[in-house]
Amino acid sequence: MIKRFTTVLFVTGWLLIAAPVFAAERVDTIPEPKFSATGRSDYVFAINKVVIGYGKAEFAPCASGQDCAHTVSVDLRGNQVTETIAVGSTEYVRQNNERRWKTRTPQPPFEGFFPELPLADDLHYRIGDIEINGVLTTQYQLQVSPARLPAGLTAANLNLFLARSDNTVYKTQVTTLGADPKLGTLEIESVVVFKDHNQPVVIGPPPAGLVDAASAHAFTDEAFAGGQFLPSWAAPLFVRELAHLRASR
């Protein structure tokens, strides 16, 4: 399975390219973002500007009516590929060349790629226009109010790239800055680029005969500075990388 995704390495370059610098304009609110009901995405995660992993995802409602997602993530340090199917609060996981799946429950329902946060006390900016996959978008930035920052964080910026035509989300970028007792300054980045908006996507649980009764390790009790602003399904990759970095100090 690893060989299948080595060609995706180019994604780590263009997803993390810094957005053009514009004269930011303070605005009262950010337009209501429109998330597609179905679609696909490419994503990259980084710590202190070093890419730790990347992957692809597709999402859609399952036949059961629950929110479902199918992700394939590459852990660069561990040279490991993890495939996950999320069906509501149940996750099915397999790694590398495994043919069988393990379950991981209970998990929070798949909540997408961008945290839902109260916006009243935050600062909002219109950064400027940029083209993504041939579509003209406007970049907006939400700077989280210091009063709402959890312990260990000094800043958190959440960026939305919304289509000029209808505010459909074409890209999200979350950046948090904080301090770690062993690592010092800690910057965490999550970048997701969406595509195939509202195109047919079919997701369902794997065949019951390929699912083992043994459960995979759950990461529900793991926490790290900045994790509050990332989707829960991204946590395992960051937890593993941070543990490695701390152990190497």
Protein backbone atom coordinates (compact mmCIF):
# COMPACT_ATOMS: atom_id res chain seq x y z
CA MET A 1 0.00 0.00 0.00
CA ILE A 2 2.90 2.38 0.71
CA LYS A 3 4.06 2.25 -2.90
CA ARG A 4 0.59 3.28 -4.01
CA PHE A 5 0.91 6.62 -2.23
CA THR A 6 4.53 7.58 -2.81
CA THR A 7 3.37 9.52 -5.86
CA VAL A 8 1.36 11.76 -3.55
CA LEU A 9 4.56 13.22 -2.09
CA PHE A 10 4.25 16.22 -4.36
CA VAL A 11 1.18 17.21 -2.34
CA THR A 12 3.38 18.08 0.64
CA GLY A 13 4.89 20.87 -1.41
CA TRP A 14 1.93 22.69 -2.91
CA LEU A 15 -0.42 22.32 0.03
CA LEU A 16 1.94 24.04 2.43
CA ILE A 17 2.98 26.87 0.13
CA ALA A 18 2.34 30.08 2.00
CA ALA A 19 -0.60 32.09 0.73
CA PRO A 20 0.23 35.39 -0.98
CA VAL A 21 0.64 38.27 1.45
CA PHE A 22 -2.07 40.88 1.05
CA ALA A 23 -3.02 43.91 3.07
CA ALA A 24 -5.43 42.27 5.50
CA GLU A 25 -8.76 44.04 5.90
CA ARG A 26 -10.55 43.84 9.24
CA VAL A 27 -14.17 42.71 8.81
CA ASP A 28 -17.01 42.30 11.28
CA THR A 29 -17.83 38.73 10.31
CA ILE A 30 -16.75 35.95 8.00
CA PRO A 31 -19.36 34.83 5.44
CA GLU A 32 -21.19 31.65 6.39
CA PRO A 33 -19.03 28.86 4.90
CA LYS A 34 -20.76 26.32 2.70
CA PHE A 35 -19.39 22.79 3.12
CA SER A 36 -20.20 20.28 0.40
CA ALA A 37 -22.35 17.31 1.41
CA THR A 38 -20.04 14.94 -0.45
CA GLY A 39 -16.56 15.29 -1.89
CA ARG A 40 -12.89 14.49 -1.62
CA SER A 41 -9.83 16.22 -0.25
CA ASP A 42 -6.04 16.18 0.04
CA TYR A 43 -4.47 17.10 3.37
CA VAL A 44 -1.07 17.73 4.96
CA PHE A 45 -0.03 17.98 8.61
CA ALA A 46 3.15 19.65 9.87
CA ILE A 47 4.98 20.38 13.11
CA ASN A 48 7.39 23.32 13.19
CA LYS A 49 7.28 23.56 9.37
CA VAL A 50 8.26 19.90 8.92
CA VAL A 51 5.66 17.76 7.17
CA ILE A 52 4.85 14.71 9.31
CA GLY A 53 2.13 13.19 7.16
CA TYR A 54 -0.32 13.63 4.33
CA GLY A 55 -3.24 11.84 2.82
CA LYS A 56 -6.48 11.72 0.92
CA ALA A 57 -10.08 11.55 2.07
CA GLU A 58 -13.59 11.21 0.76
CA PHE A 59 -16.76 11.94 2.68
CA ALA A 60 -20.50 11.43 2.29
CA PRO A 61 -23.56 10.32 4.25
CA CYS A 62 -23.75 6.53 4.55
CA ALA A 63 -26.83 4.56 3.61
CA SER A 64 -27.63 4.51 7.35
CA GLY A 65 -27.82 8.30 7.33
CA GLN A 66 -24.71 8.70 9.51
CA ASP A 67 -21.78 10.88 8.47
CA CYS A 68 -19.09 8.70 6.91
CA ALA A 69 -15.55 9.22 5.72
CA HIS A 70 -12.78 7.19 4.13
CA THR A 71 -9.20 8.38 4.73
CA VAL A 72 -5.76 7.12 3.78
CA SER A 73 -2.91 8.76 5.73
CA VAL A 74 0.84 8.40 5.26
CA ASP A 75 3.02 8.72 8.38
CA LEU A 76 6.34 9.84 6.93
CA ARG A 77 8.51 9.12 9.96
CA GLY A 78 6.99 5.72 10.62
CA ASN A 79 6.83 4.84 6.91
CA GLN A 80 3.32 3.68 7.63
CA VAL A 81 0.03 3.92 5.77
CA THR A 82 -3.23 3.89 7.75
CA GLU A 83 -6.60 3.44 6.08
CA THR A 84 -9.69 4.36 8.06
CA ILE A 85 -13.41 4.12 7.40
CA ALA A 86 -15.52 6.14 9.83
CA VAL A 87 -19.20 5.26 10.10
CA GLY A 88 -20.75 7.52 12.68
CA SER A 89 -18.89 6.82 15.95
CA THR A 90 -17.31 3.55 14.75
CA GLU A 91 -13.95 3.47 13.01
CA TYR A 92 -12.50 0.59 11.01
CA VAL A 93 -8.71 0.68 10.71
CA ARG A 94 -6.04 -1.27 8.83
CA GLN A 95 -2.40 -0.50 8.13
CA ASN A 96 0.09 -1.06 5.35
CA ASN A 97 -0.65 -4.35 3.56
CA GLU A 98 -3.18 -5.68 6.07
CA ARG A 99 -6.26 -7.20 4.47
CA ARG A 100 -8.36 -7.35 7.64
CA TRP A 101 -9.81 -4.47 9.64
CA LYS A 102 -9.90 -3.67 13.35
CA THR A 103 -12.56 -1.56 15.02
CA ARG A 104 -11.88 1.49 17.15
CA THR A 105 -14.79 2.53 19.37
CA PRO A 106 -16.13 4.61 20.84
CA GLN A 107 -14.91 7.58 18.83
CA PRO A 108 -16.41 11.02 18.36
CA PRO A 109 -18.51 11.06 15.18
CA PHE A 110 -16.52 12.21 12.16
CA GLU A 111 -16.80 15.97 12.43
CA GLY A 112 -15.13 17.00 9.21
CA PHE A 113 -12.01 19.03 8.60
CA PHE A 114 -12.63 22.30 10.42
CA PRO A 115 -13.60 22.84 14.07
CA GLU A 116 -16.89 24.46 14.94
CA LEU A 117 -16.01 27.34 17.25
CA PRO A 118 -17.84 30.35 18.67
CA LEU A 119 -16.76 33.41 16.73
CA ALA A 120 -18.12 36.34 18.75
CA ASP A 121 -14.87 37.37 20.50
CA ASP A 122 -12.45 36.54 17.70
CA LEU A 123 -10.87 38.86 15.17
CA HIS A 124 -11.87 38.45 11.53
CA TYR A 125 -9.87 39.50 8.47
CA ARG A 126 -10.29 39.41 4.73
CA ILE A 127 -6.84 38.50 3.43
CA GLY A 128 -7.41 38.59 -0.33
CA ASP A 129 -8.33 36.56 -3.40
CA ILE A 130 -6.50 33.48 -4.62
CA GLU A 131 -7.28 30.81 -7.24
CA ILE A 132 -7.55 27.20 -6.05
CA ASN A 133 -7.99 24.42 -8.58
CA GLY A 134 -9.17 26.95 -11.14
CA VAL A 135 -11.76 28.53 -8.84
CA LEU A 136 -11.43 32.10 -7.54
CA THR A 137 -11.67 32.13 -3.75
CA THR A 138 -11.35 34.69 -0.99
CA GLN A 139 -9.19 33.92 2.01
CA TYR A 140 -10.61 34.86 5.40
CA GLN A 141 -8.75 34.51 8.66
CA LEU A 142 -10.16 34.06 12.14
CA GLN A 143 -7.72 34.90 14.92
CA VAL A 144 -8.87 33.19 18.09
CA SER A 145 -9.31 35.55 21.02
CA PRO A 146 -6.51 35.16 23.63
CA ALA A 147 -9.22 34.73 26.26
CA ARG A 148 -10.36 31.54 24.53
CA LEU A 149 -6.94 29.99 24.00
CA PRO A 150 -6.38 26.82 26.02
CA ALA A 151 -3.35 26.47 28.28
CA GLY A 152 -0.14 26.01 26.31
CA LEU A 153 -1.21 28.07 23.30
CA THR A 154 -0.22 31.64 22.49
CA ALA A 155 -2.02 31.99 19.14
CA ALA A 156 -4.42 30.16 16.84
CA ASN A 157 -5.35 31.27 13.32
CA LEU A 158 -8.05 29.56 11.30
CA ASN A 159 -8.19 30.28 7.58
CA LEU A 160 -11.07 29.62 5.21
CA PHE A 161 -10.79 29.91 1.44
CA LEU A 162 -14.33 30.49 0.17
CA ALA A 163 -15.48 30.49 -3.45
CA ARG A 164 -16.35 33.99 -4.59
CA SER A 165 -19.51 32.69 -6.24
CA ASP A 166 -21.23 30.89 -3.35
CA ASN A 167 -18.85 30.65 -0.31
CA THR A 168 -18.17 26.94 -0.84
CA VAL A 169 -15.08 25.92 1.16
CA TYR A 170 -12.16 25.05 -1.12
CA LYS A 171 -9.38 25.05 1.46
CA THR A 172 -8.90 25.24 5.21
CA GLN A 173 -5.69 25.97 7.07
CA VAL A 174 -5.30 25.86 10.84
CA THR A 175 -2.13 27.14 12.50
CA THR A 176 -1.52 27.10 16.24
CA LEU A 177 1.49 28.40 18.15
CA GLY A 178 2.36 27.38 21.66
CA ALA A 179 5.00 25.99 23.99
CA ASP A 180 5.89 22.42 24.84
CA PRO A 181 7.82 21.60 28.06
CA LYS A 182 10.41 19.55 26.15
CA LEU A 183 10.26 20.95 22.61
CA GLY A 184 9.97 24.66 23.32
CA THR A 185 8.12 26.58 20.62
CA LEU A 186 5.53 24.35 18.96
CA GLU A 187 3.77 25.27 15.71
CA ILE A 188 1.14 22.91 14.37
CA GLU A 189 -0.37 23.21 10.89
CA SER A 190 -3.21 21.41 9.18
CA VAL A 191 -4.00 22.14 5.53
CA VAL A 192 -6.92 20.61 3.64
CA VAL A 193 -7.80 21.25 -0.02
CA PHE A 194 -11.28 20.14 -1.14
CA LYS A 195 -12.31 18.90 -4.58
CA ASP A 196 -15.07 16.94 -6.32
CA HIS A 197 -17.67 19.03 -4.52
CA ASN A 198 -21.05 17.26 -4.26
CA GLN A 199 -19.94 14.56 -6.68
CA PRO A 200 -21.12 10.97 -6.08
CA VAL A 201 -19.20 9.29 -3.26
CA VAL A 202 -20.17 5.91 -1.80
CA ILE A 203 -18.81 4.88 1.62
CA GLY A 204 -19.81 2.02 3.88
CA PRO A 205 -18.34 -0.32 6.49
CA PRO A 206 -16.06 -3.12 5.31
CA PRO A 207 -17.53 -6.61 4.91
CA ALA A 208 -18.25 -8.13 8.33
CA GLY A 209 -16.17 -11.18 7.44
CA LEU A 210 -13.06 -8.99 7.16
CA VAL A 211 -13.47 -7.26 10.54
CA ASP A 212 -11.70 -8.71 13.58
CA ALA A 213 -13.28 -8.57 17.01
CA ALA A 214 -10.09 -7.15 18.55
CA SER A 215 -10.21 -3.40 18.81
CA ALA A 216 -7.49 -1.01 17.67
CA HIS A 217 -6.00 1.37 20.22
CA ALA A 218 -8.15 4.44 20.78
CA PHE A 219 -6.60 7.86 21.20
CA THR A 220 -9.52 9.48 22.96
CA ASP A 221 -7.49 10.24 26.11
CA GLU A 222 -4.52 11.81 24.32
CA ALA A 223 -4.18 15.60 24.30
CA PHE A 224 -1.63 18.13 23.09
CA ALA A 225 -1.47 21.90 22.72
CA GLY A 226 -3.27 22.80 19.50
CA GLY A 227 -5.19 19.55 19.27
CA GLN A 228 -8.37 21.36 20.25
CA PHE A 229 -8.40 23.05 16.86
CA LEU A 230 -7.88 19.91 14.78
CA PRO A 231 -10.34 17.17 13.81
CA SER A 232 -10.14 14.26 16.25
CA TRP A 233 -9.26 11.76 13.51
CA ALA A 234 -5.98 13.64 12.92
CA ALA A 235 -4.84 13.27 16.54
CA PRO A 236 -3.07 9.86 16.35
CA LEU A 237 -0.51 11.07 13.80
CA PHE A 238 0.34 14.16 15.88
CA VAL A 239 0.45 12.14 19.13
CA ARG A 240 2.96 9.68 17.65
CA GLU A 241 5.17 12.38 16.18
CA LEU A 242 5.21 14.50 19.33
CA ALA A 243 6.08 11.46 21.44
CA HIS A 244 9.01 10.71 19.11
CA LEU A 245 10.26 14.30 19.20
CA ARG A 246 10.08 14.46 22.99
CA ALA A 247 11.86 11.14 23.38
CA SER A 248 14.69 12.33 21.13
CA ARG A 249 15.41 15.36 23.33
